[in-house]
C-alpha atoms as a PDB file:
ATOM      1  CA  MET A   1      15.493 -19.859  17.556  1.00  0.00           C
ATOM      2  CA  SER A   2      16.774 -17.173  19.913  1.00  0.00           C
ATOM      3  CA  GLN A   3      15.473 -16.635  23.440  1.00  0.00           C
ATOM      4  CA  ALA A   4      14.387 -13.125  22.437  1.00  0.00           C
ATOM      5  CA  LEU A   5      12.284 -14.541  19.604  1.00  0.00           C
ATOM      6  CA  ASP A   6      10.806 -17.185  21.915  1.00  0.00           C
ATOM      7  CA  ALA A   7       9.745 -14.427  24.339  1.00  0.00           C
ATOM      8  CA  ILE A   8       8.184 -12.415  21.510  1.00  0.00           C
ATOM      9  CA  LEU A   9       6.239 -15.429  20.253  1.00  0.00           C
ATOM     10  CA  GLY A  10       4.955 -15.978  23.802  1.00  0.00           C
ATOM     11  CA  GLU A  11       3.484 -12.458  24.000  1.00  0.00           C
ATOM     12  CA  PRO A  12      -0.337 -12.843  24.022  1.00  0.00           C
ATOM     13  CA  ASP A  13      -1.154  -9.362  22.626  1.00  0.00           C
ATOM     14  CA  PRO A  14      -0.867  -9.606  18.792  1.00  0.00           C
ATOM     15  CA  ALA A  15      -0.048  -5.894  18.364  1.00  0.00           C
ATOM     16  CA  LEU A  16       2.548  -5.768  21.128  1.00  0.00           C
ATOM     17  CA  ALA A  17       4.076  -9.010  19.859  1.00  0.00           C
ATOM     18  CA  PHE A  18       4.515  -7.533  16.396  1.00  0.00           C
ATOM     19  CA  LEU A  19       6.023  -4.307  17.722  1.00  0.00           C
ATOM     20  CA  ARG A  20       8.540  -6.343  19.705  1.00  0.00           C
ATOM     21  CA  LEU A  21       9.238  -8.545  16.657  1.00  0.00           C
ATOM     22  CA  GLU A  22       9.709  -5.471  14.472  1.00  0.00           C
ATOM     23  CA  GLU A  23      12.261  -3.993  16.872  1.00  0.00           C
ATOM     24  CA  HIS A  24      14.071  -7.328  17.243  1.00  0.00           C
ATOM     25  CA  TYR A  25      14.125  -7.811  13.462  1.00  0.00           C
ATOM     26  CA  ARG A  26      15.569  -4.362  12.766  1.00  0.00           C
ATOM     27  CA  LEU A  27      18.276  -4.770  15.433  1.00  0.00           C
ATOM     28  CA  SER A  28      19.227  -8.326  14.421  1.00  0.00           C
ATOM     29  CA  GLY A  29      21.952  -9.413  12.057  1.00  0.00           C
ATOM     30  CA  PRO A  30      21.308 -10.923   8.620  1.00  0.00           C
ATOM     31  CA  ASN A  31      21.149 -14.542   9.868  1.00  0.00           C
ATOM     32  CA  GLU A  32      18.510 -13.826  12.529  1.00  0.00           C
ATOM     33  CA  ARG A  33      16.517 -11.719  10.040  1.00  0.00           C
ATOM     34  CA  ALA A  34      16.631 -14.594   7.531  1.00  0.00           C
ATOM     35  CA  ALA A  35      15.392 -16.991  10.244  1.00  0.00           C
ATOM     36  CA  ILE A  36      12.519 -14.637  11.089  1.00  0.00           C
ATOM     37  CA  ARG A  37      11.551 -14.329   7.399  1.00  0.00           C
ATOM     38  CA  ALA A  38      11.717 -18.115   7.002  1.00  0.00           C
ATOM     39  CA  GLY A  39       9.561 -18.730  10.088  1.00  0.00           C
ATOM     40  CA  TRP A  40       6.948 -16.060   9.411  1.00  0.00           C
ATOM     41  CA  ASP A  41       4.069 -16.169  10.551  1.00  0.00           C
ATOM     42  CA  PHE A  42       5.146 -18.665  13.222  1.00  0.00           C
ATOM     43  CA  GLY A  43       1.619 -20.099  13.313  1.00  0.00           C
ATOM     44  CA  ARG A  44       0.223 -17.238  15.366  1.00  0.00           C
ATOM     45  CA  ARG A  45      -1.996 -14.195  14.941  1.00  0.00           C
ATOM     46  CA  TRP A  46      -0.363 -10.772  14.557  1.00  0.00           C
ATOM     47  CA  SER A  47      -1.731  -7.241  14.449  1.00  0.00           C
ATOM     48  CA  ILE A  48       0.299  -5.038  12.119  1.00  0.00           C
ATOM     49  CA  PRO A  49       0.161  -1.286  12.818  1.00  0.00           C
ATOM     50  CA  GLY A  50      -0.045   1.346  10.127  1.00  0.00           C
ATOM     51  CA  LEU A  51      -3.055   0.927   7.895  1.00  0.00           C
ATOM     52  CA  ASP A  52      -6.445  -0.237   9.182  1.00  0.00           C
ATOM     53  CA  TYR A  53      -7.892  -2.736   6.686  1.00  0.00           C
ATOM     54  CA  SER A  54     -11.000  -3.592   8.720  1.00  0.00           C
ATOM     55  CA  ASP A  55     -13.028  -2.241   5.770  1.00  0.00           C
ATOM     56  CA  TYR A  56     -11.282  -2.868   2.431  1.00  0.00           C
ATOM     57  CA  ASP A  57     -13.273  -0.056   0.796  1.00  0.00           C
ATOM     58  CA  ARG A  58     -11.990   2.464   3.380  1.00  0.00           C
ATOM     59  CA  ILE A  59      -8.408   1.910   4.493  1.00  0.00           C
ATOM     60  CA  ILE A  60      -7.649   4.239   7.394  1.00  0.00           C
ATOM     61  CA  PHE A  61      -4.363   5.816   8.457  1.00  0.00           C
ATOM     62  CA  ALA A  62      -4.961   7.636  11.730  1.00  0.00           C
ATOM     63  CA  PRO A  63      -3.984   9.590  13.639  1.00  0.00           C
ATOM     64  CA  LEU A  64      -1.956  11.654  11.200  1.00  0.00           C
ATOM     65  CA  THR A  65      -0.403  13.593  14.070  1.00  0.00           C
ATOM     66  CA  GLY A  66       0.008  12.447  17.641  1.00  0.00           C
ATOM     67  CA  GLU A  67       0.073   8.859  18.842  1.00  0.00           C
ATOM     68  CA  ASP A  68      -2.189   5.853  18.431  1.00  0.00           C
ATOM     69  CA  ALA A  69      -3.358   3.526  21.225  1.00  0.00           C
ATOM     70  CA  HIS A  70       0.079   1.855  21.353  1.00  0.00           C
ATOM     71  CA  GLY A  71       1.929   5.171  21.635  1.00  0.00           C
ATOM     72  CA  LEU A  72       3.109   5.101  18.015  1.00  0.00           C
ATOM     73  CA  ASP A  73       3.339   8.260  15.947  1.00  0.00           C
ATOM     74  CA  ALA A  74       2.835   8.267  12.161  1.00  0.00           C
ATOM     75  CA  GLU A  75       6.508   7.585  11.454  1.00  0.00           C
ATOM     76  CA  ALA A  76       6.641   4.578  13.791  1.00  0.00           C
ATOM     77  CA  ARG A  77       3.470   3.117  12.244  1.00  0.00           C
ATOM     78  CA  ILE A  78       4.814   3.481   8.686  1.00  0.00           C
ATOM     79  CA  GLU A  79       8.161   2.050   9.800  1.00  0.00           C
ATOM     80  CA  ALA A  80       6.391  -0.939  11.385  1.00  0.00           C
ATOM     81  CA  ARG A  81       4.294  -1.505   8.270  1.00  0.00           C
ATOM     82  CA  LEU A  82       7.344  -1.426   5.988  1.00  0.00           C
ATOM     83  CA  THR A  83       9.204  -3.775   8.347  1.00  0.00           C
ATOM     84  CA  TYR A  84       6.233  -6.141   8.112  1.00  0.00           C
ATOM     85  CA  HIS A  85       6.783  -6.222   4.351  1.00  0.00           C
ATOM     86  CA  ALA A  86      10.493  -6.913   4.890  1.00  0.00           C
ATOM     87  CA  ILE A  87       9.571  -9.879   7.121  1.00  0.00           C
ATOM     88  CA  GLU A  88       6.606 -11.205   5.128  1.00  0.00           C
ATOM     89  CA  ASN A  89       8.624 -10.853   1.911  1.00  0.00           C
ATOM     90  CA  ALA A  90       5.600 -10.682  -0.467  1.00  0.00           C
ATOM     91  CA  ARG A  91       4.658 -14.285   0.325  1.00  0.00           C
ATOM     92  CA  SER A  92       0.935 -13.599   0.313  1.00  0.00           C
ATOM     93  CA  ASP A  93       0.538 -11.658  -2.947  1.00  0.00           C
ATOM     94  CA  PHE A  94       3.096  -9.501  -4.697  1.00  0.00           C
ATOM     95  CA  ARG A  95       0.359  -7.198  -6.077  1.00  0.00           C
ATOM     96  CA  ASP A  96      -1.250  -6.638  -2.678  1.00  0.00           C
ATOM     97  CA  THR A  97       2.193  -5.914  -1.264  1.00  0.00           C
ATOM     98  CA  GLY A  98       2.802  -3.325  -3.990  1.00  0.00           C
ATOM     99  CA  MET A  99      -0.533  -1.657  -3.289  1.00  0.00           C
ATOM    100  CA  ASP A 100       0.096  -1.565   0.463  1.00  0.00           C
ATOM    101  CA  ILE A 101       3.588  -0.136  -0.051  1.00  0.00           C
ATOM    102  CA  CYS A 102       2.106   2.549  -2.291  1.00  0.00           C
ATOM    103  CA  LEU A 103      -0.492   3.442   0.365  1.00  0.00           C
ATOM    104  CA  CYS A 104       2.322   3.655   2.955  1.00  0.00           C
ATOM    105  CA  TYR A 105       4.135   5.996   0.571  1.00  0.00           C
ATOM    106  CA  HIS A 106       1.084   8.281   0.299  1.00  0.00           C
ATOM    107  CA  ALA A 107       0.397   8.172   4.057  1.00  0.00           C
ATOM    108  CA  ALA A 108       4.028   9.092   4.769  1.00  0.00           C
ATOM    109  CA  LEU A 109       3.874  11.965   2.280  1.00  0.00           C
ATOM    110  CA  ARG A 110       0.650  13.275   3.830  1.00  0.00           C
ATOM    111  CA  ALA A 111       2.206  13.051   7.316  1.00  0.00           C
ATOM    112  CA  GLY A 112       5.211  15.068   6.101  1.00  0.00           C
ATOM    113  CA  LEU A 113       7.703  12.277   6.780  1.00  0.00           C
ATOM    114  CA  ASP A 114      11.062  11.615   5.122  1.00  0.00           C
ATOM    115  CA  VAL A 115       9.710   9.008   2.707  1.00  0.00           C
ATOM    116  CA  VAL A 116      13.061   8.215   1.096  1.00  0.00           C
ATOM    117  CA  ARG A 117      14.720   7.513   4.457  1.00  0.00           C
ATOM    118  CA  LEU A 118      11.842   5.332   5.682  1.00  0.00           C
ATOM    119  CA  PHE A 119      11.824   3.208   2.537  1.00  0.00           C
ATOM    120  CA  GLN A 120      15.635   2.964   2.371  1.00  0.00           C
ATOM    121  CA  GLU A 121      15.815   1.827   6.007  1.00  0.00           C
ATOM    122  CA  ALA A 122      13.198  -0.863   5.373  1.00  0.00           C
ATOM    123  CA  ALA A 123      14.998  -1.958   2.206  1.00  0.00           C
ATOM    124  CA  ALA A 124      18.258  -2.254   4.169  1.00  0.00           C
ATOM    125  CA  VAL A 125      16.753  -5.014   6.351  1.00  0.00           C
ATOM    126  CA  SER A 126      14.912  -6.766   3.508  1.00  0.00           C
ATOM    127  CA  GLU A 127      15.736  -9.716   1.296  1.00  0.00           C
ATOM    128  CA  ASP A 128      16.922  -8.631  -2.178  1.00  0.00           C
ATOM    129  CA  SER A 129      13.609  -8.880  -4.067  1.00  0.00           C
ATOM    130  CA  MET A 130      11.665  -6.996  -1.379  1.00  0.00           C
ATOM    131  CA  ALA A 131      14.442  -4.404  -1.107  1.00  0.00           C
ATOM    132  CA  ALA A 132      14.132  -3.853  -4.855  1.00  0.00           C
ATOM    133  CA  GLN A 133      10.368  -3.384  -4.533  1.00  0.00           C
ATOM    134  CA  LEU A 134      10.758  -0.908  -1.663  1.00  0.00           C
ATOM    135  CA  ARG A 135      13.396   1.108  -3.518  1.00  0.00           C
ATOM    136  CA  GLY A 136      11.569   0.737  -6.813  1.00  0.00           C
ATOM    137  CA  ILE A 137       8.677   2.983  -5.837  1.00  0.00           C
ATOM    138  CA  PHE A 138      10.968   5.972  -6.369  1.00  0.00           C
ATOM    139  CA  ARG A 139      11.508   4.960  -9.999  1.00  0.00           C
ATOM    140  CA  TRP A 140       7.786   4.666 -10.738  1.00  0.00           C
ATOM    141  CA  LYS A 141       6.311   7.470 -12.785  1.00  0.00           C
ATOM    142  CA  PRO A 142       4.106   9.717 -10.630  1.00  0.00           C
ATOM    143  CA  GLU A 143       0.977   8.705 -12.534  1.00  0.00           C
ATOM    144  CA  VAL A 144       1.708   5.014 -11.908  1.00  0.00           C
ATOM    145  CA  LYS A 145       2.063   5.408  -8.135  1.00  0.00           C
ATOM    146  CA  SER A 146      -0.867   7.797  -7.912  1.00  0.00           C
ATOM    147  CA  LEU A 147      -3.792   6.830  -5.728  1.00  0.00           C
ATOM    148  CA  TRP A 148      -6.003   6.921  -8.819  1.00  0.00           C
ATOM    149  CA  ALA A 149      -3.803   4.323 -10.539  1.00  0.00           C
ATOM    150  CA  MET A 150      -4.196   2.101  -7.474  1.00  0.00           C
ATOM    151  CA  GLY A 151      -7.974   2.578  -7.537  1.00  0.00           C
ATOM    152  CA  PHE A 152      -8.160   4.880  -4.502  1.00  0.00           C
ATOM    153  CA  ARG A 153      -8.802   8.457  -3.583  1.00  0.00           C
ATOM    154  CA  GLU A 154      -7.699  10.225  -0.426  1.00  0.00           C
ATOM    155  CA  VAL A 155     -10.315  11.573   1.968  1.00  0.00           C
ATOM    156  CA  LEU A 156      -9.190  13.679   4.912  1.00  0.00           C
ATOM    157  CA  ILE A 157     -10.917  12.909   8.184  1.00  0.00           C
ATOM    158  CA  GLU A 158     -10.647  14.720  11.509  1.00  0.00           C
ATOM    159  CA  ASN A 159      -7.712  12.720  12.820  1.00  0.00           C
ATOM    160  CA  GLY A 160      -6.168  11.187   9.707  1.00  0.00           C
ATOM    161  CA  ILE A 161      -6.800  10.064   6.172  1.00  0.00           C
ATOM    162  CA  VAL A 162      -8.890   7.410   4.500  1.00  0.00           C
ATOM    163  CA  PHE A 163      -7.875   5.744   1.267  1.00  0.00           C
ATOM    164  CA  GLU A 164     -11.281   5.133  -0.251  1.00  0.00           C
ATOM    165  CA  TRP A 165     -11.610   2.440  -2.908  1.00  0.00           C
ATOM    166  CA  ILE A 166     -13.145   3.901  -6.059  1.00  0.00           C
ATOM    167  CA  GLY A 167     -12.452   1.001  -8.388  1.00  0.00           C
ATOM    168  CA  ASN A 168     -15.819  -0.589  -7.632  1.00  0.00           C
ATOM    169  CA  ARG A 169     -17.924   2.494  -8.322  1.00  0.00           C
ATOM    170  CA  ASP A 170     -20.085   2.612 -11.443  1.00  0.00           C
ATOM    171  CA  ASP A 171     -18.505   5.868 -12.617  1.00  0.00           C
ATOM    172  CA  TYR A 172     -14.945   4.555 -12.229  1.00  0.00           C
ATOM    173  CA  TYR A 173     -14.723   3.612 -15.899  1.00  0.00           C
ATOM    174  CA  ASP A 174     -16.520   6.758 -17.073  1.00  0.00           C
ATOM    175  CA  LEU A 175     -13.222   8.486 -17.784  1.00  0.00           C
ATOM    176  CA  LYS A 176     -13.113  11.826 -19.539  1.00  0.00           C
ATOM    177  CA  PRO A 177     -10.339  13.213 -21.773  1.00  0.00           C
ATOM    178  CA  GLY A 178      -7.494  14.389 -19.557  1.00  0.00           C
ATOM    179  CA  HIS A 179      -8.195  11.823 -16.803  1.00  0.00           C
ATOM    180  CA  LEU A 180      -5.672   9.106 -16.060  1.00  0.00           C
ATOM    181  CA  ASP A 181      -6.846   5.544 -16.582  1.00  0.00           C
ATOM    182  CA  HIS A 182      -6.114   2.732 -14.117  1.00  0.00           C
ATOM    183  CA  TRP A 183      -2.617   2.316 -15.592  1.00  0.00           C
ATOM    184  CA  GLY A 184      -1.760   6.006 -15.333  1.00  0.00           C
ATOM    185  CA  ARG A 185      -2.212   6.744 -19.044  1.00  0.00           C
ATOM    186  CA  GLU A 186      -3.964   9.940 -20.066  1.00  0.00           C
ATOM    187  CA  VAL A 187      -7.363   9.380 -21.656  1.00  0.00           C
ATOM    188  CA  ARG A 188      -7.739  10.991 -25.065  1.00  0.00           C
ATOM    189  CA  ASP A 189     -10.934  11.704 -27.059  1.00  0.00           C
END
């Protein structure tokens, strides 16, 4: 393990530690990146910027403009979140990873960011299967990567957006003709 990685792992603040790890990971060569992926989560607690999952029914991306408490703008938070996926490499759950990547995609669109560049840069520092997932979102049909297909709707708040879970509402399955079902297919009579 490199001295730089040792110093990062010794950082007590979980958010600052991840930001330092993210920068180190992106600047490292393929061997160091592979070592970081293999060692993840290094037996420590991390705080990943980007989306706030403190309430799974209301995932928050804020602020949309300006900086957060760590001085990160929207682009830096999305970049950090996508780098997390490059490091974590869908170890926890491939479906959850796909959903989170899709929410990053929608947050980046809403913030007016260059979504293609952000995802391509993250794919460039990813292992092959994760790179394919990051690039793959651009091949998904729009109705498949829609928030509705993921079970969410977007709610604008004063300083950002909330992805509100609608999949657990009683009226979720009360689809009318013309609506898209959970799989992005149009409902007929």
